[in-house]
Protein backbone atom coordinates (compact mmCIF):
# COMPACT_ATOMS: atom_id res chain seq x y z
CA MET A 1 53.09 75.09 53.70
CA ARG A 2 52.96 77.49 50.62
CA THR A 3 56.65 78.31 51.04
CA ARG A 4 57.47 74.93 51.03
CA ILE A 5 55.70 74.28 47.88
CA GLY A 6 56.98 77.41 46.55
CA SER A 7 60.31 76.17 47.35
CA VAL A 8 60.42 72.84 46.21
CA LEU A 9 58.63 74.03 43.16
CA GLY A 10 61.37 76.75 42.13
CA LYS A 11 64.16 73.75 42.73
CA THR A 12 62.93 71.74 41.17
CA VAL A 13 62.25 74.28 37.88
CA PHE A 14 65.82 74.83 37.87
CA GLY A 15 66.99 71.57 37.81
CA LEU A 16 64.62 70.61 34.57
CA LEU A 17 66.20 74.17 33.35
CA ALA A 18 69.91 73.05 33.95
CA LEU A 19 68.80 69.39 32.52
CA LEU A 20 68.05 71.08 29.18
CA THR A 21 71.01 73.47 29.20
CA VAL A 22 73.30 70.51 29.52
CA THR A 23 71.45 68.57 26.78
CA LEU A 24 71.93 71.31 24.32
CA ALA A 25 75.83 72.26 25.26
CA ALA A 26 76.38 70.94 22.32
CA ALA A 27 74.40 74.18 20.24
CA VAL A 28 76.28 76.64 21.44
CA ALA A 29 79.05 75.53 19.05
CA ALA A 30 76.70 75.76 15.77
CA SER A 31 75.51 79.82 17.12
CA ALA A 32 78.86 80.66 17.76
CA GLN A 33 79.04 80.19 13.44
CA GLY A 34 75.74 81.46 13.24
CA GLU A 35 74.35 85.03 12.51
CA GLU A 36 77.16 87.75 12.31
CA PRO A 37 75.57 90.43 14.29
CA GLY A 38 74.26 94.02 12.74
CA GLU A 39 71.32 94.02 10.34
CA SER A 40 70.98 91.96 7.21
CA ILE A 41 68.01 90.66 5.36
CA GLY A 42 67.51 87.05 4.69
CA GLY A 43 64.94 84.20 3.94
CA THR A 44 64.54 80.97 3.16
CA LEU A 45 63.31 79.79 -0.54
CA PHE A 46 60.97 77.06 -0.73
CA GLN A 47 58.55 75.36 -2.78
CA ARG A 48 55.55 72.68 -1.88
CA ILE A 49 55.75 69.53 -4.24
CA ASP A 50 53.04 66.64 -3.06
CA GLY A 51 52.97 68.42 0.51
CA GLU A 52 56.91 68.55 0.90
CA ARG A 53 58.83 71.60 1.95
CA VAL A 54 62.18 71.04 -0.42
CA PRO A 55 64.31 74.01 -0.41
CA VAL A 56 65.45 75.14 -3.51
CA GLU A 57 68.97 75.73 -4.17
CA GLY A 58 70.86 78.52 -6.53
CA VAL A 59 68.37 81.22 -6.65
CA VAL A 60 70.14 85.24 -6.50
CA ILE A 61 68.61 87.17 -4.31
CA VAL A 62 69.41 90.78 -4.71
CA VAL A 63 69.06 93.85 -1.65
CA SER A 64 68.95 97.58 -2.92
CA GLN A 65 68.72 100.74 -1.50
CA ASP A 66 67.87 103.90 -3.19
CA GLY A 67 68.48 102.19 -6.75
CA THR A 68 71.86 100.90 -5.59
CA GLU A 69 72.73 98.12 -5.02
CA ILE A 70 73.62 96.88 -1.30
CA GLY A 71 74.46 92.99 -1.76
CA SER A 72 73.11 89.68 -3.14
CA ALA A 73 73.11 86.40 -2.48
CA THR A 74 72.53 83.05 -3.74
CA SER A 75 70.41 80.49 -1.95
CA ASP A 76 72.13 77.55 -0.10
CA ALA A 77 71.67 73.48 -0.42
CA GLU A 78 68.54 74.46 2.78
CA GLY A 79 67.13 77.15 0.38
CA THR A 80 68.59 80.00 2.99
CA TRP A 81 70.02 82.94 1.69
CA LEU A 82 71.63 86.11 3.96
CA VAL A 83 72.63 89.52 2.72
CA GLN A 84 74.38 91.64 5.48
CA LEU A 85 73.35 95.62 5.54
CA PRO A 86 75.71 98.49 6.06
CA GLY A 87 72.57 99.91 8.87
CA PRO A 88 68.71 100.38 9.76
CA GLY A 89 66.61 102.13 6.94
CA SER A 90 64.23 100.94 3.50
CA TYR A 91 65.85 98.04 0.87
CA SER A 92 64.49 96.72 -1.40
CA VAL A 93 64.50 92.92 -2.17
CA ARG A 94 64.51 91.53 -5.86
CA LEU A 95 64.56 87.86 -6.93
CA ASP A 96 66.38 87.41 -10.09
CA GLU A 97 63.23 85.37 -11.81
CA SER A 98 66.16 84.15 -14.68
CA THR A 99 67.99 81.87 -11.79
CA LEU A 100 64.57 80.18 -11.00
CA PRO A 101 64.94 76.03 -11.55
CA GLU A 102 63.07 75.58 -14.72
CA ASP A 103 60.07 73.75 -12.66
CA VAL A 104 60.11 76.32 -10.11
CA GLY A 105 57.43 79.46 -10.69
CA LEU A 106 56.82 82.42 -8.78
CA THR A 107 53.02 82.01 -7.46
CA ASP A 108 52.44 85.29 -7.90
CA PRO A 109 54.31 86.50 -10.97
CA ASP A 110 54.09 90.05 -10.33
CA ARG A 111 56.02 89.73 -7.07
CA THR A 112 59.46 89.57 -7.87
CA GLU A 113 60.09 92.28 -6.12
CA LEU A 114 59.32 93.48 -2.50
CA PRO A 115 60.14 97.08 -1.81
CA ASP A 116 59.84 99.34 1.81
CA ILE A 117 61.29 96.70 3.59
CA ASN A 118 61.96 98.47 6.57
CA VAL A 119 64.95 97.25 8.94
CA THR A 120 65.47 98.46 12.46
CA SER A 121 68.93 98.54 14.06
CA GLY A 122 69.97 95.22 15.12
CA GLN A 123 67.68 93.68 13.35
CA ASP A 124 68.05 90.32 10.94
CA ARG A 125 64.77 90.87 9.02
CA GLN A 126 62.95 87.81 7.02
CA VAL A 127 61.21 88.13 3.58
CA ILE A 128 59.04 85.21 2.06
CA PHE A 129 58.87 85.01 -1.67
CA GLN A 130 56.12 82.39 -2.25
CA LEU A 131 57.06 79.89 -4.91
CA GLY A 132 55.16 76.70 -6.18
CA GLU A 133 55.60 74.14 -8.46
CA SER A 134 55.76 75.24 -12.49
CA ALA A 135 52.49 75.55 -14.63
CA LEU A 136 53.64 73.83 -17.45
CA GLU A 137 52.63 70.07 -16.36
CA GLN A 138 49.80 70.29 -13.18
CA PRO A 139 48.46 67.06 -12.09
CA GLY A 140 45.18 65.41 -12.18
CA THR A 141 42.55 65.56 -10.17
CA PHE A 142 43.23 62.09 -9.35
CA THR A 143 46.84 62.25 -8.57
CA ARG A 144 46.65 64.91 -6.76
CA VAL A 145 43.92 63.67 -4.01
CA ALA A 146 45.72 60.22 -4.27
CA ALA A 147 49.47 62.23 -3.53
CA LEU A 148 47.28 64.33 -0.94
CA PHE A 149 46.16 61.19 0.45
CA VAL A 150 49.85 59.42 1.53
CA VAL A 151 50.91 62.79 2.57
CA GLY A 152 48.09 62.74 4.64
CA LEU A 153 48.59 59.09 6.04
CA LYS A 154 52.62 60.73 6.47
CA LEU A 155 51.92 63.50 8.77
CA GLY A 156 49.12 61.31 10.46
CA ALA A 157 52.31 58.81 11.41
CA ILE A 158 54.14 61.26 12.63
CA ILE A 159 51.19 63.09 14.75
CA ALA A 160 50.73 59.33 15.83
CA LEU A 161 54.55 58.95 17.59
CA CYS A 162 54.28 62.85 18.86
CA ALA A 163 50.82 61.88 20.30
CA ILE A 164 50.92 58.48 21.88
CA GLY A 165 53.55 59.66 25.26
CA LEU A 166 50.98 62.41 25.46
CA SER A 167 47.73 60.04 25.32
CA LEU A 168 50.14 57.44 27.97
CA ILE A 169 51.46 60.19 30.66
CA PHE A 170 47.65 61.54 30.72
CA ALA A 171 46.62 57.54 31.87
CA VAL A 172 49.18 56.84 34.07
CA THR A 173 48.97 60.41 35.85
CA GLY A 174 45.71 62.47 34.95
CA LEU A 175 48.15 65.67 33.69
CA VAL A 176 47.78 67.19 30.63
CA ASN A 177 51.33 67.72 29.79
CA PHE A 178 51.61 70.64 27.75
CA ALA A 179 55.26 70.68 27.34
CA HIS A 180 55.27 67.90 25.15
CA ALA A 181 55.55 69.67 22.18
CA GLU A 182 59.49 70.45 22.98
CA LEU A 183 60.45 66.94 23.05
CA VAL A 184 59.04 67.24 19.72
CA THR A 185 61.12 69.93 18.83
CA LEU A 186 64.60 68.60 20.77
CA GLY A 187 64.26 65.24 19.04
CA ALA A 188 64.74 67.72 15.74
CA VAL A 189 67.38 70.12 16.94
CA ILE A 190 69.37 67.49 18.64
CA ALA A 191 69.74 65.25 15.49
CA TYR A 192 69.69 67.74 13.45
CA LEU A 193 72.74 69.66 14.88
CA LEU A 194 74.54 65.69 14.92
CA HIS A 195 73.77 65.01 11.58
CA ALA A 196 74.43 69.13 9.76
CA ALA A 197 76.48 71.60 12.53
CA GLY A 198 78.27 68.71 14.19
CA PRO A 199 80.31 65.64 13.57
CA HIS A 200 78.51 65.12 10.09
CA TRP A 201 76.62 61.83 11.30
CA PRO A 202 74.27 60.16 8.58
CA LEU A 203 71.22 61.15 9.92
CA VAL A 204 69.47 57.40 10.76
CA ALA A 205 72.66 57.67 13.40
CA ALA A 206 72.03 61.19 14.49
CA ALA A 207 68.37 60.17 15.32
CA VAL A 208 69.65 57.52 17.56
CA PRO A 209 71.13 59.79 20.33
CA ALA A 210 68.73 62.41 19.45
CA VAL A 211 66.17 59.57 20.77
CA ILE A 212 67.77 58.76 23.54
CA ALA A 213 68.24 61.97 24.80
CA GLY A 214 64.16 62.07 24.74
CA ALA A 215 64.13 59.37 27.02
CA PHE A 216 66.37 60.81 29.42
CA LEU A 217 64.36 63.87 29.18
CA GLY A 218 61.14 62.72 29.58
CA TRP A 219 62.43 60.63 32.67
CA GLY A 220 64.06 63.44 33.64
CA GLN A 221 60.85 65.97 33.77
CA GLU A 222 59.39 62.80 36.01
CA LYS A 223 61.81 62.79 38.79
CA VAL A 224 62.89 66.64 38.82
CA LEU A 225 59.51 68.08 38.33
CA TRP A 226 56.48 65.82 39.05
CA LYS A 227 57.45 63.23 41.35
CA PRO A 228 58.09 66.57 43.68
CA LEU A 229 54.75 68.16 42.77
CA ARG A 230 52.76 64.93 43.49
CA ARG A 231 54.17 64.28 46.86
CA ARG A 232 53.56 67.87 47.61
CA ARG A 233 49.83 66.95 46.41
CA MET A 234 49.72 69.68 43.74
CA GLY A 235 46.38 69.55 42.14
CA LEU A 236 46.00 68.08 37.80
CA LEU A 237 44.82 71.68 37.39
CA SER A 238 47.94 73.54 38.57
CA MET A 239 50.45 71.53 37.47
CA MET A 240 48.96 71.63 33.50
CA VAL A 241 49.55 75.47 34.65
CA VAL A 242 53.28 74.64 35.39
CA SER A 243 53.18 72.38 32.06
CA ILE A 244 52.69 75.53 30.50
CA GLY A 245 55.23 77.86 31.91
CA VAL A 246 58.07 74.57 31.50
CA GLY A 247 56.90 74.46 27.84
CA PHE A 248 57.69 78.53 27.60
CA ALA A 249 60.73 77.60 29.22
CA LEU A 250 61.96 75.31 27.23
CA ARG A 251 60.70 76.57 23.65
CA PHE A 252 62.74 79.92 24.44
CA LEU A 253 65.89 78.20 25.62
CA ILE A 254 65.63 76.49 22.27
CA LEU A 255 65.38 79.80 20.56
CA ILE A 256 68.15 80.79 22.16
CA PHE A 257 70.43 78.13 21.66
CA TYR A 258 69.49 77.10 18.36
CA GLY A 259 68.29 80.36 16.37
CA GLY A 260 65.20 80.65 14.67
CA ARG A 261 66.05 80.53 11.49
CA PRO A 262 64.56 77.25 9.74
CA ARG A 263 66.70 74.44 8.64
CA ALA A 264 66.62 71.81 6.87
CA TYR A 265 68.82 67.78 6.49
CA PRO A 266 70.99 68.72 4.15
CA ASP A 267 70.53 65.04 3.46
CA PHE A 268 67.33 64.95 2.62
CA ALA A 269 66.63 68.38 1.72
CA GLY A 270 65.49 67.40 -2.10
CA GLN A 271 64.26 64.52 -2.87
CA ALA A 272 62.69 63.90 -5.62
CA ALA A 273 59.06 62.06 -6.03
CA THR A 274 58.94 58.73 -7.45
CA PRO A 275 55.42 57.61 -9.77
CA ILE A 276 54.62 54.39 -7.93
CA LEU A 277 50.82 53.11 -9.50
CA GLY A 278 50.49 56.35 -11.43
CA ILE A 279 51.31 58.48 -8.07
CA PRO A 280 54.21 60.59 -6.94
CA VAL A 281 55.52 59.77 -3.84
CA VAL A 282 58.61 60.97 -2.45
CA PRO A 283 60.98 58.25 -1.00
CA LYS A 284 60.96 59.50 2.73
CA GLN A 285 57.38 59.61 2.96
CA LEU A 286 57.66 55.92 2.50
CA VAL A 287 60.34 55.55 5.06
CA THR A 288 58.26 57.86 7.40
CA ILE A 289 54.70 55.80 7.18
CA GLY A 290 56.81 52.20 7.38
CA VAL A 291 58.78 53.19 10.31
CA ALA A 292 56.23 54.90 12.22
CA VAL A 293 53.89 52.23 11.75
CA ALA A 294 56.42 49.51 12.60
CA VAL A 295 57.05 51.59 16.09
CA LEU A 296 53.57 51.99 16.83
CA GLY A 297 52.95 48.14 16.16
CA ALA A 298 55.93 47.33 18.53
CA VAL A 299 54.26 49.71 21.55
CA GLY A 300 50.96 47.94 21.03
CA LEU A 301 53.08 44.86 21.35
CA PHE A 302 54.99 46.06 24.49
CA LEU A 303 51.93 46.92 26.41
CA GLN A 304 50.17 43.74 25.29
CA LYS A 305 52.76 41.15 25.85
CA THR A 306 55.26 42.39 28.51
CA GLN A 307 55.25 42.71 32.12
CA ALA A 308 55.77 46.14 32.07
CA GLY A 309 53.21 46.82 29.76
CA THR A 310 50.94 44.62 31.68
CA ALA A 311 52.20 47.06 34.63
CA LEU A 312 51.78 49.92 32.78
CA ARG A 313 48.02 49.11 31.72
CA ALA A 314 46.86 48.39 35.50
CA VAL A 315 48.53 51.89 36.94
CA ARG A 316 45.84 53.45 33.75
CA ASP A 317 43.59 51.30 35.01
CA ASP A 318 43.35 51.90 38.52
CA SER A 319 46.56 53.25 40.06
CA ALA A 320 45.47 52.24 43.76
CA LEU A 321 44.69 48.62 43.20
CA ALA A 322 48.09 47.86 41.04
CA GLU A 323 50.07 49.12 43.85
CA SER A 324 48.23 47.20 46.51
CA SER A 325 48.60 44.11 43.93
CA GLY A 326 52.85 44.41 44.62
CA ILE A 327 53.41 46.56 41.59
CA ASP A 328 55.81 49.88 41.66
CA ALA A 329 53.52 52.93 40.28
CA GLN A 330 56.12 55.06 40.28
CA ARG A 331 58.51 53.18 38.19
CA VAL A 332 55.69 52.48 36.11
CA ILE A 333 54.93 56.68 35.69
CA ALA A 334 59.04 57.01 35.23
CA LEU A 335 58.66 54.38 32.19
CA THR A 336 55.88 56.15 30.85
CA TRP A 337 58.01 59.19 30.93
CA ALA A 338 60.72 57.81 29.08
CA MET A 339 58.66 56.33 26.67
CA GLY A 340 56.93 59.06 26.17
CA GLY A 341 59.99 60.78 25.28
CA ALA A 342 61.74 59.17 23.12
CA LEU A 343 58.18 58.23 20.82
CA ALA A 344 58.57 62.10 20.69
CA ALA A 345 61.79 62.98 19.83
CA MET A 346 61.57 60.37 16.95
CA GLY A 347 58.20 62.17 15.52
CA GLY A 348 60.49 65.29 15.60
CA VAL A 349 62.98 63.98 13.56
CA PHE A 350 60.38 62.67 10.96
CA PHE A 351 58.75 65.75 11.07
CA GLY A 352 62.14 67.66 10.69
CA LEU A 353 62.52 65.46 7.19
CA THR A 354 58.91 67.50 5.79
CA GLU A 355 59.16 70.70 7.60
CA SER A 356 62.29 72.45 8.23
CA VAL A 357 64.16 72.08 11.77
CA GLN A 358 62.46 75.27 13.55
CA TRP A 359 62.85 76.49 17.09
CA ASP A 360 58.91 76.10 17.24
CA MET A 361 57.81 73.18 15.30
CA GLY A 362 56.77 71.24 18.37
CA PHE A 363 54.14 74.26 19.91
CA GLN A 364 53.50 73.89 16.13
CA LEU A 365 51.93 70.41 16.27
CA LEU A 366 50.97 70.67 19.74
CA LEU A 367 46.98 71.24 18.48
CA LEU A 368 47.11 68.39 16.38
CA MET A 369 48.83 65.96 19.05
CA PHE A 370 45.77 66.94 21.36
CA ALA A 371 43.61 66.17 18.76
CA ALA A 372 44.51 63.36 17.93
CA VAL A 373 44.54 61.90 21.61
CA ILE A 374 40.92 63.27 22.11
CA LEU A 375 39.39 61.70 19.03
CA GLY A 376 40.59 58.79 19.33
CA GLY A 377 39.12 58.51 23.27
CA ILE A 378 42.11 60.63 25.74
CA GLY A 379 43.89 57.96 27.27
CA THR A 380 43.48 55.01 24.82
CA THR A 381 46.72 54.05 22.84
CA TYR A 382 45.26 52.56 20.00
CA GLY A 383 42.47 55.23 19.84
CA THR A 384 45.02 57.58 19.52
CA MET A 385 46.67 55.79 16.85
CA ALA A 386 43.07 55.80 14.90
CA GLY A 387 42.66 59.41 15.85
CA ALA A 388 45.94 60.13 14.11
CA PHE A 389 45.56 58.91 10.85
CA ILE A 390 41.88 60.36 10.82
CA VAL A 391 43.29 63.86 11.73
CA GLY A 392 46.67 63.77 9.01
CA VAL A 393 44.66 62.34 6.06
CA ALA A 394 41.83 65.80 6.58
CA VAL A 395 44.30 67.92 7.50
CA GLU A 396 46.35 67.56 4.46
CA MET A 397 43.32 66.31 1.57
CA SER A 398 41.58 69.51 3.11
CA VAL A 399 43.39 71.68 0.68
CA LEU A 400 41.69 70.43 -2.20
CA PHE A 401 38.48 72.72 -0.62
CA VAL A 402 40.03 75.61 1.85
CA PRO A 403 43.53 77.65 1.94
CA SER A 404 46.53 75.30 2.90
CA GLU A 405 47.05 78.44 6.31
CA LEU A 406 43.64 76.27 7.02
CA LYS A 407 43.89 73.09 6.95
CA THR A 408 45.23 72.62 10.59
CA ALA A 409 42.12 74.39 11.45
CA VAL A 410 40.29 71.82 9.69
CA GLY A 411 41.41 69.01 11.91
CA LEU A 412 39.85 70.74 15.17
CA VAL A 413 36.69 70.99 13.27
CA LEU A 414 36.36 67.56 12.49
CA LEU A 415 37.41 67.28 16.36
CA ILE A 416 34.54 69.51 17.28
CA ILE A 417 32.16 67.53 14.68
CA VAL A 418 33.27 63.96 15.92
CA LEU A 419 33.24 64.86 19.73
CA ILE A 420 29.66 66.33 19.25
CA PHE A 421 28.12 62.55 18.44
CA ARG A 422 30.32 60.89 20.44
CA PRO A 423 32.12 62.79 23.45
CA GLN A 424 33.88 59.70 24.66
CA GLY A 425 36.05 59.59 21.53
CA LEU A 426 36.56 56.86 18.60
CA LEU A 427 37.23 53.72 20.65
CA ALA A 428 36.90 55.25 24.87
CA VAL A 429 34.57 53.16 26.52
CA ARG A 430 31.28 55.19 27.43
CA GLU A 431 30.92 55.23 31.14
CA ARG A 432 28.15 56.93 33.95
CA ILE A 433 29.80 59.36 36.67
CA SER A 434 27.31 59.22 39.63
């Protein structure tokens, strides 16, 4: 019996990886144009404006060794720069402060030069210069709080899009899917390749096939992997462990095809903030919030007003009773996976507008997705939406009190505090198990 299960598991995992390889085939051409072989030093220059990660273009970086200049590079529209090296060794990297834009300054003015950067054989060494807004104009407290609140709403909208599928999949199958994060990454990566590395479509047009690919990959996971495992009566704990392995496999396949360097959507890399009622708001923040709220509203109407949505809710409440009533539970589960994959990919596209598109961006968002699902009440759609916005606002506004590196931890602390007083989450119903 174990041999048969192992055989089925091996075939299904192989099929899933083959499915992903086909989807990322377009990335091979882009990766062929990537970094040259050999040693190099590079990085990405960006500053945060109202919570947005904005690339800094036109800054000169000089690399030297033993006082002799080896080479220099100028940051491009995505903020990236790269200097090829003659070989491994110890190098010094200097940022030419005179080439910084007027509204950009170094967070630590004494760190214009980074000495003793050791590069090993074949290494592409990444270095970071901390940039921030110029001290010429410091926003007032109200302006800063209001701007962070808008950024929090934007992050909450992205988390909600990504977490809805995670919640629905758990509701209809009982599976905690750790590989859901990679669907977020795939949405952003596919949109980037179509927008910047391939046919150069507008991002709006590139997002459509990215969302379709997310739906297809979600449906493909269910058909190729999870449905056969359920038929073999694999336990939910074992399936959760499989999802962790699938997540690792997909994440590093994306790294192989796409590369490890962060990249930004060219059309939206440097949007300036627009004052609205005295609050600086970046237009793409409003677009993200508006589109996400519209999509979330459409999901709610789908669940409440359509026959397929009613069937999904029935399977969520009692799968056996739903099947006895004539509902095809397997078809409903496949629909849920497809819808979850599409929403995750859409959330990934919007997340790429805020952060650079990189190979592990979905994994960075995974803990916040789980926090939203559990905070709102695991398996509840509207609870997940509410939990996502609460987590997003709490995380972004926490930088008023704690270093920005700790803001993700604030969302998890909030989760712990709420669950101490309401273990079932915000909108879930208290149940007694006997």
